[in-house]
Amino acid sequence: MSTKWAEKCDPELPAREFARLVLAERLEVVKALLPRAAHHHEEDIEHVHQLRVGCRRASAALRAFTPLMSEKPRKLKNWLSRIRDAAGPARDIDVLLARFAGEEADAVTEYAIARLTEERGKVQGLLVKVAKQATSGKLDRAVSETLSLLDKKKKSKAPQLGKYGHNALCLAYTPFARLVHLENPTADELHQFRIAGKRLRYSVEIFHGLFPDQLREEIYPLIEILQEQLGETNDHATAQQLYQTWLAEMRADELAAEVAGRVIAEHKAMLRLRAQFMRWWSAKRIAQVEAFFNTLQG
């Protein structure tokens, strides 16, 4: 189930009409995936992954279209945050478990799988709880109230989608633009760059139809690769932090020594991937992205 690319991007269309279509579509995805992620995750761990992605896309749309509403959609924003916060730890553990399952079995791997499996059961309970509350009708009411906020502002002059989408995409690009020229970035700075890229990517998915094909065919794939590479770097930084947390709780024995070795290995892998990314994120690619958005803003 996916609504990756928003359709009906007619620049002459009233922006509120487009907002209603996109929001309704993305929120339906969240509502459909929530019970699957809560009650059928063992059948397919992708339910949790797709729920988190669906929440991010819905949140991106909500952020993009809030200026068109008569007031801020706080209830729906809170619901999406709660669902995403519940799905996040579950997905993170699923990724780690898949990683350890693919490694050669040793004492650290066995310890990690046992511990993560126990933690996975606990965090699933949080997702089940949120799903129960949401599907009792509260999420539906929040969605309806939010969509009605678009109608309540109809008395004011409705902007056309072309101008509104242009401004929205430029606004989404601004945080990304501040980070494109990072030198010797820390793991946290790269993580922030990845988040900025993710938000820009979701904005492109909404408003792509208003812009030249270059945006979807050249710029979007660059942002996608950027996210993938920075995601791998972040995975190693996260694993390092996880090992360090475990190490602080362990007694000094052979297993602890092996975990300490993993801390060093993950740090080295993170540094290697960071250097690899900085070589890939070349002046040529930076110029390509900046040239496109400078044209929009010029």
Protein backbone atom coordinates (compact mmCIF):
# COMPACT_ATOMS: atom_id res chain seq x y z
CA MET A 1 0.00 0.00 0.00
CA SER A 2 1.53 3.30 -1.03
CA THR A 3 0.65 6.85 -2.02
CA LYS A 4 4.17 7.96 -2.77
CA TRP A 5 3.48 10.36 -5.62
CA ALA A 6 0.60 12.81 -5.26
CA GLU A 7 -1.50 13.12 -8.39
CA LYS A 8 -3.71 15.86 -9.86
CA CYS A 9 -1.01 18.54 -9.49
CA ASP A 10 -2.84 21.11 -11.61
CA PRO A 11 -1.31 24.54 -10.89
CA GLU A 12 -4.73 26.16 -11.48
CA LEU A 13 -6.37 23.94 -8.85
CA PRO A 14 -7.33 25.61 -5.56
CA ALA A 15 -4.63 24.66 -3.07
CA ARG A 16 -7.18 23.67 -0.44
CA GLU A 17 -8.81 21.20 -2.80
CA PHE A 18 -5.45 19.57 -3.49
CA ALA A 19 -4.64 19.59 0.23
CA ARG A 20 -7.85 17.73 1.03
CA LEU A 21 -7.12 15.06 -1.60
CA VAL A 22 -3.53 14.48 -0.50
CA LEU A 23 -4.26 14.51 3.23
CA ALA A 24 -7.23 12.17 2.93
CA GLU A 25 -5.22 9.73 0.83
CA ARG A 26 -2.20 9.66 3.13
CA LEU A 27 -4.27 9.42 6.28
CA GLU A 28 -6.22 6.47 4.89
CA VAL A 29 -2.92 4.65 4.49
CA VAL A 30 -2.07 5.24 8.16
CA LYS A 31 -5.50 4.07 9.32
CA ALA A 32 -5.28 0.91 7.20
CA LEU A 33 -1.74 -0.01 8.27
CA LEU A 34 -2.12 0.64 12.00
CA PRO A 35 -4.08 -2.55 12.87
CA ARG A 36 -1.82 -4.62 10.61
CA ALA A 37 1.30 -3.34 12.34
CA ALA A 38 -0.26 -3.84 15.77
CA HIS A 39 -1.68 -7.34 15.29
CA HIS A 40 0.02 -8.95 12.29
CA HIS A 41 3.64 -7.84 12.55
CA GLU A 42 4.87 -11.41 13.00
CA GLU A 43 3.40 -12.32 9.61
CA ASP A 44 5.22 -9.48 7.89
CA ILE A 45 7.55 -7.02 9.62
CA GLU A 46 7.04 -4.64 6.69
CA HIS A 47 3.67 -3.65 8.19
CA VAL A 48 5.49 -1.73 10.93
CA HIS A 49 7.97 -0.25 8.47
CA GLN A 50 5.24 0.92 6.10
CA LEU A 51 3.24 2.36 9.00
CA ARG A 52 6.17 4.50 10.07
CA VAL A 53 6.76 5.66 6.49
CA GLY A 54 3.03 6.33 6.10
CA CYS A 55 3.06 8.47 9.24
CA ARG A 56 6.02 10.44 7.94
CA ARG A 57 4.30 11.10 4.62
CA ALA A 58 1.08 12.10 6.36
CA SER A 59 2.99 14.38 8.74
CA ALA A 60 4.81 15.97 5.80
CA ALA A 61 1.49 16.69 4.10
CA LEU A 62 0.03 18.06 7.31
CA ARG A 63 3.04 20.35 7.75
CA ALA A 64 2.81 21.50 4.12
CA PHE A 65 -0.89 22.34 4.27
CA THR A 66 -1.30 23.72 7.81
CA PRO A 67 -1.10 27.36 6.52
CA LEU A 68 -4.31 26.66 4.57
CA MET A 69 -6.24 25.78 7.74
CA SER A 70 -8.23 28.02 10.03
CA GLU A 71 -6.19 26.80 13.02
CA LYS A 72 -3.34 24.39 13.70
CA PRO A 73 -4.36 20.70 13.54
CA ARG A 74 -2.91 19.84 16.94
CA LYS A 75 -4.98 16.72 17.59
CA LEU A 76 -4.05 15.01 14.36
CA LYS A 77 -0.43 16.09 14.67
CA ASN A 78 -0.32 14.51 18.12
CA TRP A 79 -1.91 11.30 16.87
CA LEU A 80 0.61 10.93 14.06
CA SER A 81 3.45 11.58 16.50
CA ARG A 82 2.13 8.99 18.93
CA ILE A 83 1.75 6.36 16.23
CA ARG A 84 5.17 7.10 14.78
CA ASP A 85 6.77 7.05 18.25
CA ALA A 86 5.22 3.65 18.92
CA ALA A 87 6.22 2.20 15.57
CA GLY A 88 9.75 3.62 15.64
CA PRO A 89 11.32 1.44 18.37
CA ALA A 90 9.63 -1.66 16.94
CA ARG A 91 11.04 -0.98 13.48
CA ASP A 92 14.50 -0.17 14.84
CA ILE A 93 14.64 -3.51 16.66
CA ASP A 94 13.36 -5.37 13.58
CA VAL A 95 16.24 -3.88 11.58
CA LEU A 96 18.78 -4.85 14.24
CA LEU A 97 17.39 -8.38 14.53
CA ALA A 98 17.60 -8.84 10.77
CA ARG A 99 21.16 -7.61 10.86
CA PHE A 100 22.21 -10.00 13.62
CA ALA A 101 20.38 -12.88 11.97
CA GLY A 102 22.59 -12.39 8.93
CA GLU A 103 25.82 -12.51 10.92
CA GLU A 104 27.90 -15.51 11.79
CA ALA A 105 26.76 -16.89 15.15
CA ASP A 106 28.98 -16.03 18.12
CA ALA A 107 28.50 -15.09 21.76
CA VAL A 108 27.72 -11.44 21.02
CA THR A 109 25.21 -12.30 18.29
CA GLU A 110 23.40 -14.80 20.52
CA TYR A 111 23.31 -12.29 23.38
CA ALA A 112 22.04 -9.53 21.07
CA ILE A 113 19.29 -11.63 19.50
CA ALA A 114 18.04 -12.84 22.90
CA ARG A 115 18.02 -9.36 24.38
CA LEU A 116 16.48 -7.65 21.37
CA THR A 117 13.78 -10.31 21.03
CA GLU A 118 12.74 -9.65 24.63
CA GLU A 119 12.72 -5.89 24.07
CA ARG A 120 10.77 -6.34 20.82
CA GLY A 121 7.88 -7.92 22.69
CA LYS A 122 7.73 -5.00 25.11
CA VAL A 123 7.67 -2.26 22.48
CA GLN A 124 5.01 -4.10 20.48
CA GLY A 125 2.74 -3.66 23.48
CA LEU A 126 3.01 0.12 23.08
CA LEU A 127 1.98 -0.13 19.44
CA VAL A 128 -1.00 -2.34 20.33
CA LYS A 129 -2.09 0.17 22.98
CA VAL A 130 -1.93 3.14 20.61
CA ALA A 131 -3.76 1.18 17.91
CA LYS A 132 -6.56 0.30 20.33
CA GLN A 133 -7.02 3.93 21.30
CA ALA A 134 -6.81 5.18 17.71
CA THR A 135 -9.22 2.66 16.24
CA SER A 136 -11.84 3.42 18.88
CA GLY A 137 -12.90 6.34 16.70
CA LYS A 138 -10.57 8.98 18.09
CA LEU A 139 -8.25 9.00 15.08
CA ASP A 140 -11.20 9.19 12.67
CA ARG A 141 -12.56 12.21 14.54
CA ALA A 142 -9.16 13.92 14.47
CA VAL A 143 -8.95 13.35 10.71
CA SER A 144 -12.45 14.72 10.12
CA GLU A 145 -11.80 17.77 12.30
CA THR A 146 -8.57 18.47 10.44
CA LEU A 147 -10.15 18.27 7.01
CA SER A 148 -12.93 20.57 8.22
CA LEU A 149 -10.29 23.18 9.10
CA LEU A 150 -9.66 23.54 5.37
CA ASP A 151 -13.35 24.29 4.82
CA LYS A 152 -13.56 26.83 7.64
CA LYS A 153 -10.98 29.03 5.95
CA LYS A 154 -12.75 29.01 2.59
CA LYS A 155 -14.09 32.50 3.25
CA SER A 156 -10.59 33.85 2.67
CA LYS A 157 -9.17 34.02 -0.83
CA ALA A 158 -7.97 30.57 -1.85
CA PRO A 159 -4.45 30.46 -3.29
CA GLN A 160 -3.87 28.45 -6.42
CA LEU A 161 -1.80 25.30 -6.14
CA GLY A 162 0.94 26.50 -8.50
CA LYS A 163 2.08 29.40 -6.33
CA TYR A 164 1.40 27.61 -3.07
CA GLY A 165 3.34 24.48 -4.06
CA HIS A 166 6.27 26.56 -5.31
CA ASN A 167 6.54 28.33 -1.95
CA ALA A 168 6.08 25.09 0.00
CA LEU A 169 8.87 23.29 -1.85
CA CYS A 170 11.26 26.23 -1.44
CA LEU A 171 10.44 26.28 2.27
CA ALA A 172 11.19 22.55 2.55
CA TYR A 173 14.51 23.07 0.77
CA THR A 174 15.74 25.77 3.18
CA PRO A 175 16.86 23.46 6.07
CA PHE A 176 18.53 21.14 3.55
CA ALA A 177 20.34 24.05 1.90
CA ARG A 178 21.90 25.06 5.23
CA LEU A 179 23.63 21.67 5.51
CA VAL A 180 24.77 20.87 1.97
CA HIS A 181 28.30 22.22 2.50
CA LEU A 182 29.16 20.38 5.73
CA GLU A 183 32.87 19.77 6.24
CA ASN A 184 34.14 17.05 8.59
CA PRO A 185 30.57 16.50 9.88
CA THR A 186 29.84 14.68 13.11
CA ALA A 187 27.49 11.70 13.20
CA ASP A 188 24.79 13.98 14.63
CA GLU A 189 25.24 16.55 11.86
CA LEU A 190 24.93 13.84 9.23
CA HIS A 191 21.81 12.58 10.97
CA GLN A 192 20.31 16.09 10.83
CA PHE A 193 21.25 16.31 7.16
CA ARG A 194 19.48 13.00 6.55
CA ILE A 195 16.34 14.29 8.30
CA ALA A 196 16.39 17.48 6.24
CA GLY A 197 16.77 15.38 3.09
CA LYS A 198 13.88 13.19 4.13
CA ARG A 199 11.59 16.17 4.63
CA LEU A 200 12.59 17.63 1.29
CA ARG A 201 12.00 14.28 -0.37
CA TYR A 202 8.48 14.00 1.03
CA SER A 203 7.71 17.53 -0.12
CA VAL A 204 8.90 16.64 -3.64
CA GLU A 205 6.55 13.63 -3.60
CA ILE A 206 3.63 15.97 -2.92
CA PHE A 207 4.38 18.86 -5.30
CA HIS A 208 6.48 17.18 -8.04
CA GLY A 209 3.80 17.63 -10.70
CA LEU A 210 4.19 21.41 -10.59
CA PHE A 211 7.84 21.39 -11.63
CA PRO A 212 10.04 20.29 -14.54
CA ASP A 213 10.69 16.55 -14.90
CA GLN A 214 14.26 17.14 -13.71
CA LEU A 215 12.98 17.38 -10.14
CA ARG A 216 11.54 13.87 -10.11
CA GLU A 217 13.99 12.21 -12.50
CA GLU A 218 17.32 13.71 -11.36
CA ILE A 219 17.09 15.65 -8.09
CA TYR A 220 14.80 13.25 -6.23
CA PRO A 221 17.00 10.18 -6.93
CA LEU A 222 20.03 12.09 -5.62
CA ILE A 223 18.21 12.86 -2.37
CA GLU A 224 17.10 9.24 -2.17
CA ILE A 225 20.67 7.93 -2.53
CA LEU A 226 21.85 10.51 -0.01
CA GLN A 227 19.34 9.20 2.50
CA GLU A 228 20.32 5.59 1.88
CA GLN A 229 24.02 6.27 2.36
CA LEU A 230 23.48 8.38 5.46
CA GLY A 231 21.07 5.73 6.74
CA GLU A 232 23.84 3.12 6.60
CA THR A 233 26.21 5.47 8.40
CA ASN A 234 23.57 6.12 11.06
CA ASP A 235 22.95 2.37 11.48
CA HIS A 236 26.55 1.88 12.54
CA ALA A 237 26.44 4.88 14.89
CA THR A 238 23.23 3.48 16.43
CA ALA A 239 24.76 0.02 16.81
CA GLN A 240 27.80 1.55 18.49
CA GLN A 241 25.57 3.37 20.97
CA LEU A 242 23.62 0.17 21.61
CA TYR A 243 26.78 -1.82 22.37
CA GLN A 244 28.01 0.95 24.64
CA THR A 245 24.74 0.88 26.57
CA TRP A 246 24.96 -2.88 27.00
CA LEU A 247 28.63 -2.69 27.95
CA ALA A 248 27.89 -0.25 30.77
CA GLU A 249 25.55 -2.84 32.32
CA MET A 250 27.81 -5.90 31.92
CA ARG A 251 30.36 -7.33 34.30
CA ALA A 252 33.94 -7.52 33.10
CA ASP A 253 34.13 -10.91 31.43
CA GLU A 254 34.88 -12.44 28.04
CA LEU A 255 31.50 -11.45 26.59
CA ALA A 256 32.00 -7.85 27.68
CA ALA A 257 35.39 -7.84 25.99
CA GLU A 258 33.79 -9.02 22.75
CA VAL A 259 31.10 -6.35 23.01
CA ALA A 260 33.83 -3.74 23.52
CA GLY A 261 35.42 -4.99 20.33
CA ARG A 262 32.13 -4.48 18.53
CA VAL A 263 32.02 -0.85 19.76
CA ILE A 264 35.36 -0.23 18.09
CA ALA A 265 34.34 -2.08 14.91
CA GLU A 266 31.09 -0.12 14.56
CA HIS A 267 32.89 3.18 15.08
CA LYS A 268 35.42 2.32 12.37
CA ALA A 269 32.62 1.29 10.01
CA MET A 270 30.80 4.56 10.68
CA LEU A 271 33.96 6.57 9.92
CA ARG A 272 34.57 4.59 6.73
CA LEU A 273 31.02 5.15 5.47
CA ARG A 274 31.15 8.82 6.42
CA ALA A 275 34.28 9.25 4.33
CA GLN A 276 32.66 7.30 1.49
CA PHE A 277 29.61 9.57 1.62
CA MET A 278 31.70 12.75 1.62
CA ARG A 279 33.46 11.53 -1.53
CA TRP A 280 30.12 10.74 -3.17
CA TRP A 281 28.54 14.06 -2.10
CA SER A 282 30.80 15.86 -4.48
CA ALA A 283 30.90 19.51 -5.50
CA LYS A 284 29.32 18.47 -8.80
CA ARG A 285 26.29 16.88 -7.12
CA ILE A 286 25.92 19.77 -4.71
CA ALA A 287 25.99 22.22 -7.61
CA GLN A 288 23.36 20.19 -9.47
CA VAL A 289 20.93 20.37 -6.56
CA GLU A 290 21.65 24.01 -5.78
CA ALA A 291 21.30 25.07 -9.40
CA PHE A 292 17.82 23.55 -9.65
CA PHE A 293 16.51 25.19 -6.46
CA ASN A 294 18.26 28.50 -7.12
CA THR A 295 16.34 28.64 -10.39
CA LEU A 296 13.09 28.19 -8.47
CA GLN A 297 13.98 30.83 -5.93
CA GLY A 298 15.40 33.30 -8.46
